[in-house]
N, C-alpha and C. Protein backbone atom coordinates (compact mmCIF):
# COMPACT_ATOMS: atom_id res chain seq x y z
N MET A 1 158.41 85.16 127.72
CA MET A 1 157.23 84.34 127.89
C MET A 1 156.45 84.26 126.58
N ALA A 2 155.99 83.08 126.27
CA ALA A 2 155.18 82.89 125.07
C ALA A 2 153.78 83.43 125.33
N ARG A 3 153.16 83.91 124.30
CA ARG A 3 151.82 84.50 124.43
C ARG A 3 150.86 83.77 123.49
N LEU A 4 149.85 83.12 124.07
CA LEU A 4 148.83 82.43 123.29
C LEU A 4 147.47 82.95 123.70
N PHE A 5 146.67 83.40 122.76
CA PHE A 5 145.31 83.88 123.01
C PHE A 5 145.27 84.96 124.09
N GLY A 6 146.27 85.83 124.09
CA GLY A 6 146.29 86.93 125.05
C GLY A 6 146.72 86.54 126.45
N THR A 7 147.25 85.33 126.63
CA THR A 7 147.68 84.87 127.93
C THR A 7 149.17 84.54 127.89
N GLU A 8 149.90 85.07 128.87
CA GLU A 8 151.32 84.75 128.99
C GLU A 8 151.46 83.36 129.60
N ILE A 9 152.22 82.48 128.94
CA ILE A 9 152.47 81.17 129.52
C ILE A 9 153.97 81.08 129.82
N PRO A 10 154.35 80.50 130.97
CA PRO A 10 155.74 80.51 131.42
C PRO A 10 156.68 79.71 130.50
N ASN A 11 157.87 80.26 130.28
CA ASN A 11 158.86 79.63 129.39
C ASN A 11 159.58 78.47 130.04
N GLU A 12 159.77 78.51 131.36
CA GLU A 12 160.62 77.52 132.02
C GLU A 12 159.90 76.20 132.29
N LYS A 13 158.57 76.16 132.16
CA LYS A 13 157.82 74.93 132.42
C LYS A 13 157.66 74.11 131.15
N ARG A 14 157.32 72.83 131.35
CA ARG A 14 157.01 71.97 130.21
C ARG A 14 155.74 72.50 129.55
N ILE A 15 155.63 72.36 128.24
CA ILE A 15 154.47 72.90 127.51
C ILE A 15 153.18 72.27 128.00
N GLU A 16 153.26 71.00 128.41
CA GLU A 16 152.07 70.30 128.92
C GLU A 16 151.55 70.98 130.19
N ALA A 17 152.45 71.51 131.01
CA ALA A 17 152.06 72.19 132.25
C ALA A 17 151.80 73.68 132.02
N SER A 18 152.28 74.22 130.92
CA SER A 18 152.11 75.65 130.63
C SER A 18 150.76 75.95 129.98
N LEU A 19 150.26 75.06 129.16
CA LEU A 19 148.99 75.31 128.46
C LEU A 19 147.81 75.52 129.41
N PRO A 20 147.73 74.83 130.56
CA PRO A 20 146.61 75.10 131.47
C PRO A 20 146.56 76.51 132.05
N TYR A 21 147.58 77.34 131.81
CA TYR A 21 147.52 78.74 132.23
C TYR A 21 146.45 79.48 131.43
N ILE A 22 146.07 78.92 130.28
CA ILE A 22 145.01 79.51 129.46
C ILE A 22 143.68 79.06 130.04
N TYR A 23 142.78 80.01 130.31
CA TYR A 23 141.48 79.71 130.89
C TYR A 23 140.68 78.84 129.93
N GLY A 24 140.26 77.68 130.40
CA GLY A 24 139.48 76.77 129.57
C GLY A 24 140.26 75.56 129.11
N ILE A 25 141.56 75.52 129.40
CA ILE A 25 142.39 74.37 129.05
C ILE A 25 142.93 73.77 130.33
N GLY A 26 142.65 72.49 130.53
CA GLY A 26 143.16 71.77 131.70
C GLY A 26 144.26 70.82 131.29
N ARG A 27 144.65 69.94 132.21
CA ARG A 27 145.75 69.01 131.94
C ARG A 27 145.39 68.04 130.82
N SER A 28 144.21 67.43 130.90
CA SER A 28 143.86 66.43 129.89
C SER A 28 143.67 67.07 128.52
N THR A 29 143.10 68.26 128.48
CA THR A 29 142.92 68.95 127.21
C THR A 29 144.27 69.33 126.62
N SER A 30 145.20 69.75 127.47
CA SER A 30 146.53 70.13 126.97
C SER A 30 147.24 68.90 126.38
N LYS A 31 147.08 67.75 127.03
CA LYS A 31 147.69 66.51 126.49
C LYS A 31 147.11 66.20 125.11
N ARG A 32 145.78 66.32 125.00
CA ARG A 32 145.12 66.02 123.72
C ARG A 32 145.57 66.99 122.63
N ILE A 33 145.69 68.27 122.97
CA ILE A 33 146.11 69.29 122.01
C ILE A 33 147.51 68.99 121.50
N LEU A 34 148.44 68.67 122.41
CA LEU A 34 149.82 68.39 122.02
C LEU A 34 149.92 67.12 121.19
N GLU A 35 149.08 66.14 121.52
CA GLU A 35 149.07 64.90 120.74
C GLU A 35 148.62 65.16 119.31
N GLN A 36 147.57 65.95 119.15
CA GLN A 36 147.06 66.26 117.81
C GLN A 36 148.04 67.14 117.03
N ALA A 37 148.75 68.01 117.74
CA ALA A 37 149.71 68.90 117.07
C ALA A 37 151.02 68.18 116.78
N GLY A 38 151.23 67.01 117.39
CA GLY A 38 152.45 66.26 117.16
C GLY A 38 153.65 66.89 117.85
N ILE A 39 153.44 67.42 119.04
CA ILE A 39 154.52 68.08 119.77
C ILE A 39 154.82 67.27 121.03
N ASN A 40 156.10 67.11 121.33
CA ASN A 40 156.53 66.38 122.53
C ASN A 40 156.13 67.18 123.77
N PRO A 41 155.36 66.58 124.70
CA PRO A 41 154.90 67.31 125.88
C PRO A 41 156.01 67.66 126.87
N ASP A 42 157.21 67.06 126.70
CA ASP A 42 158.32 67.31 127.62
C ASP A 42 159.15 68.53 127.24
N ILE A 43 158.91 69.11 126.07
CA ILE A 43 159.65 70.30 125.63
C ILE A 43 159.25 71.48 126.49
N ARG A 44 160.24 72.31 126.84
CA ARG A 44 159.96 73.53 127.58
C ARG A 44 159.34 74.55 126.64
N THR A 45 158.48 75.41 127.18
CA THR A 45 157.76 76.38 126.35
C THR A 45 158.72 77.31 125.62
N GLY A 46 159.81 77.69 126.28
CA GLY A 46 160.79 78.59 125.67
C GLY A 46 161.50 77.99 124.48
N GLN A 47 161.51 76.65 124.37
CA GLN A 47 162.20 75.97 123.27
C GLN A 47 161.32 75.77 122.04
N LEU A 48 160.05 76.11 122.13
CA LEU A 48 159.13 75.91 121.00
C LEU A 48 159.44 76.90 119.88
N THR A 49 159.31 76.43 118.66
CA THR A 49 159.49 77.31 117.50
C THR A 49 158.16 78.01 117.21
N ASP A 50 158.22 79.04 116.39
CA ASP A 50 157.00 79.75 116.00
C ASP A 50 156.04 78.82 115.26
N GLU A 51 156.60 77.91 114.48
CA GLU A 51 155.78 76.95 113.73
C GLU A 51 154.99 76.05 114.68
N GLN A 52 155.64 75.59 115.76
CA GLN A 52 154.97 74.73 116.73
C GLN A 52 153.88 75.50 117.48
N LEU A 53 154.16 76.76 117.80
CA LEU A 53 153.16 77.59 118.48
C LEU A 53 151.93 77.79 117.61
N THR A 54 152.15 78.05 116.32
CA THR A 54 151.01 78.24 115.41
C THR A 54 150.24 76.93 115.24
N LYS A 55 150.95 75.80 115.30
CA LYS A 55 150.27 74.51 115.21
C LYS A 55 149.36 74.29 116.41
N ILE A 56 149.82 74.68 117.60
CA ILE A 56 149.01 74.57 118.82
C ILE A 56 147.76 75.43 118.70
N VAL A 57 147.95 76.68 118.25
CA VAL A 57 146.82 77.61 118.07
C VAL A 57 145.83 77.04 117.06
N GLN A 58 146.36 76.48 115.98
CA GLN A 58 145.51 75.92 114.93
C GLN A 58 144.68 74.75 115.46
N VAL A 59 145.28 73.87 116.26
CA VAL A 59 144.55 72.72 116.83
C VAL A 59 143.44 73.21 117.75
N ILE A 60 143.74 74.22 118.57
CA ILE A 60 142.73 74.73 119.51
C ILE A 60 141.55 75.34 118.75
N THR A 61 141.82 76.09 117.70
CA THR A 61 140.73 76.74 116.95
C THR A 61 139.94 75.73 116.13
N THR A 62 140.61 74.75 115.52
CA THR A 62 139.87 73.79 114.69
C THR A 62 139.02 72.84 115.53
N ASP A 63 139.48 72.52 116.75
CA ASP A 63 138.71 71.63 117.62
C ASP A 63 137.50 72.34 118.22
N GLY A 64 137.46 73.66 118.13
CA GLY A 64 136.33 74.40 118.68
C GLY A 64 136.34 74.46 120.20
N ILE A 65 137.53 74.43 120.79
CA ILE A 65 137.65 74.52 122.25
C ILE A 65 137.41 75.97 122.66
N LEU A 66 136.42 76.19 123.51
CA LEU A 66 136.15 77.54 124.01
C LEU A 66 137.18 77.91 125.06
N ILE A 67 137.82 79.06 124.88
CA ILE A 67 138.83 79.50 125.84
C ILE A 67 138.69 80.98 126.11
N GLU A 68 139.31 81.41 127.20
CA GLU A 68 139.39 82.82 127.59
C GLU A 68 138.06 83.56 127.51
N GLY A 69 137.99 84.66 126.78
CA GLY A 69 136.82 85.53 126.75
C GLY A 69 135.56 84.84 126.26
N ASP A 70 135.69 84.00 125.24
CA ASP A 70 134.52 83.30 124.70
C ASP A 70 133.89 82.40 125.76
N LEU A 71 134.74 81.66 126.48
CA LEU A 71 134.25 80.75 127.51
C LEU A 71 133.61 81.52 128.66
N ARG A 72 134.24 82.64 129.06
CA ARG A 72 133.68 83.45 130.14
C ARG A 72 132.31 84.01 129.74
N ARG A 73 132.20 84.49 128.49
CA ARG A 73 130.92 85.02 128.00
C ARG A 73 129.85 83.93 127.97
N GLU A 74 130.24 82.73 127.53
CA GLU A 74 129.32 81.60 127.47
C GLU A 74 128.78 81.25 128.86
N LYS A 75 129.69 81.17 129.83
CA LYS A 75 129.28 80.85 131.21
C LYS A 75 128.36 81.93 131.76
N GLN A 76 128.70 83.20 131.49
CA GLN A 76 127.89 84.31 131.97
C GLN A 76 126.49 84.28 131.36
N SER A 77 126.40 83.95 130.07
CA SER A 77 125.09 83.91 129.42
C SER A 77 124.25 82.75 129.96
N ILE A 78 124.89 81.64 130.30
CA ILE A 78 124.17 80.51 130.89
C ILE A 78 123.58 80.91 132.24
N LEU A 79 124.38 81.62 133.06
CA LEU A 79 123.89 82.05 134.38
C LEU A 79 122.77 83.07 134.24
N LYS A 80 122.88 83.97 133.25
CA LYS A 80 121.82 84.96 133.02
C LYS A 80 120.52 84.28 132.61
N ARG A 81 120.63 83.26 131.76
CA ARG A 81 119.45 82.52 131.31
C ARG A 81 118.78 81.82 132.49
N LEU A 82 119.59 81.18 133.34
CA LEU A 82 119.03 80.50 134.51
C LEU A 82 118.30 81.48 135.43
N ALA A 83 118.88 82.66 135.60
CA ALA A 83 118.25 83.66 136.46
C ALA A 83 116.98 84.20 135.82
N SER A 84 117.01 84.38 134.50
CA SER A 84 115.84 84.98 133.83
C SER A 84 114.64 84.04 133.79
N ILE A 85 114.88 82.71 133.68
CA ILE A 85 113.75 81.79 133.66
C ILE A 85 113.29 81.45 135.07
N ASN A 86 113.99 82.03 136.06
CA ASN A 86 113.58 81.92 137.46
C ASN A 86 113.58 80.48 137.97
N CYS A 87 114.52 79.68 137.48
CA CYS A 87 114.60 78.30 137.98
C CYS A 87 115.35 78.30 139.31
N TYR A 88 115.34 77.18 139.99
CA TYR A 88 115.93 77.08 141.32
C TYR A 88 117.41 77.46 141.29
N ARG A 89 118.15 76.91 140.33
CA ARG A 89 119.59 77.22 140.23
C ARG A 89 119.81 78.70 140.00
N GLY A 90 118.98 79.32 139.17
CA GLY A 90 119.10 80.75 138.90
C GLY A 90 118.84 81.58 140.14
N GLN A 91 117.83 81.18 140.93
CA GLN A 91 117.53 81.89 142.17
C GLN A 91 118.69 81.81 143.14
N ARG A 92 119.30 80.62 143.26
CA ARG A 92 120.43 80.44 144.17
C ARG A 92 121.62 81.28 143.73
N HIS A 93 121.88 81.33 142.41
CA HIS A 93 122.96 82.17 141.90
C HIS A 93 122.69 83.63 142.22
N ARG A 94 121.46 84.06 142.01
CA ARG A 94 121.09 85.46 142.23
C ARG A 94 121.27 85.86 143.69
N ARG A 95 120.91 84.95 144.62
CA ARG A 95 121.01 85.24 146.05
C ARG A 95 122.41 85.01 146.61
N GLY A 96 123.28 84.39 145.82
CA GLY A 96 124.63 84.12 146.30
C GLY A 96 124.69 82.97 147.29
N LEU A 97 123.82 81.99 147.12
CA LEU A 97 123.79 80.82 147.99
C LEU A 97 124.31 79.60 147.24
N PRO A 98 124.66 78.51 147.96
CA PRO A 98 125.13 77.31 147.27
C PRO A 98 124.09 76.77 146.30
N VAL A 99 124.54 76.31 145.14
CA VAL A 99 123.63 75.93 144.06
C VAL A 99 123.37 74.43 144.03
N ARG A 100 124.32 73.65 144.47
CA ARG A 100 124.24 72.21 144.25
C ARG A 100 123.79 71.40 145.46
N GLY A 101 122.87 71.93 146.24
CA GLY A 101 122.25 71.15 147.30
C GLY A 101 123.01 71.09 148.61
N GLN A 102 124.07 71.89 148.77
CA GLN A 102 124.80 71.85 150.03
C GLN A 102 123.97 72.47 151.14
N ARG A 103 124.28 72.11 152.38
CA ARG A 103 123.55 72.67 153.51
C ARG A 103 123.99 74.11 153.75
N THR A 104 123.08 74.91 154.28
CA THR A 104 123.41 76.31 154.53
C THR A 104 123.26 76.70 156.00
N ARG A 105 122.73 75.81 156.81
CA ARG A 105 122.56 76.14 158.23
C ARG A 105 123.93 76.36 158.88
N THR A 106 124.86 75.47 158.57
CA THR A 106 126.25 75.68 158.95
C THR A 106 127.06 75.57 157.67
N ASN A 107 128.27 76.03 157.71
CA ASN A 107 129.16 76.03 156.54
C ASN A 107 128.61 76.96 155.45
N ALA A 108 129.00 76.82 154.24
CA ALA A 108 128.60 77.67 153.11
C ALA A 108 129.10 79.10 153.24
N ARG A 109 130.12 79.34 154.06
CA ARG A 109 130.64 80.69 154.25
C ARG A 109 131.28 81.23 152.98
N THR A 110 131.80 80.37 152.15
CA THR A 110 132.42 80.85 150.91
C THR A 110 131.40 81.55 150.03
N ARG A 111 130.21 81.00 149.95
CA ARG A 111 129.16 81.59 149.12
C ARG A 111 128.43 82.73 149.83
N LYS A 112 128.15 82.55 151.12
CA LYS A 112 127.32 83.52 151.84
C LYS A 112 128.09 84.75 152.30
N GLY A 113 129.40 84.64 152.44
CA GLY A 113 130.20 85.78 152.89
C GLY A 113 130.36 85.81 154.40
N LYS A 114 130.79 86.95 154.90
CA LYS A 114 131.05 87.09 156.33
C LYS A 114 129.78 86.90 157.14
N LYS A 115 129.93 86.26 158.31
CA LYS A 115 128.80 85.92 159.16
C LYS A 115 128.07 87.17 159.66
N LYS A 116 126.73 87.16 159.54
CA LYS A 116 125.91 88.27 160.02
C LYS A 116 124.97 87.73 161.09
N THR A 117 125.02 88.26 162.29
CA THR A 117 124.16 87.80 163.37
C THR A 117 122.76 88.37 163.19
N VAL A 118 121.76 87.51 163.28
CA VAL A 118 120.37 87.94 163.10
C VAL A 118 119.62 87.56 164.37
N GLY A 119 118.78 88.46 164.87
CA GLY A 119 117.93 88.11 166.01
C GLY A 119 118.47 88.63 167.32
N ALA A 120 118.90 87.75 168.19
CA ALA A 120 119.28 88.10 169.58
C ALA A 120 120.33 89.19 169.62
N GLN A 121 119.95 90.30 170.28
CA GLN A 121 120.90 91.40 170.46
C GLN A 121 121.18 91.55 171.94
N ALA A 122 122.34 92.08 172.27
CA ALA A 122 122.69 92.27 173.68
C ALA A 122 121.80 93.38 174.28
N LYS A 123 121.36 93.18 175.54
CA LYS A 123 120.52 94.16 176.22
C LYS A 123 121.36 95.37 176.62
N LYS A 124 120.78 96.53 176.48
CA LYS A 124 121.48 97.77 176.86
C LYS A 124 120.98 98.21 178.24
N LYS A 125 121.89 98.69 179.09
CA LYS A 125 121.51 99.16 180.43
C LYS A 125 121.54 100.65 180.51
């Protein structure tokens, strides 16, 4: 398996489909990277030469594409800033509720977690 930026990318897939295994690179970004590097997107990852791999790395670094740890740190700092300035989005992130205006009376189980019954309890005899 080829290793780019600390991520193993599969050898048997096309390079265009293998690059999105790196956090921060999607399909369209991978197409753009391969176009700038001058590499055929239909080549399998295992068939790439070391020169082509370094060209891909060079294109990613020169374009300033945030990937892996840098991108994760950036996203985390944005969420910390939102929480620290006490804005609505930051409060929702802090409480673990939906951030983008979704309803919470029903649904929203992915954000809220397992259902907790509040209020009516069964009578004991």
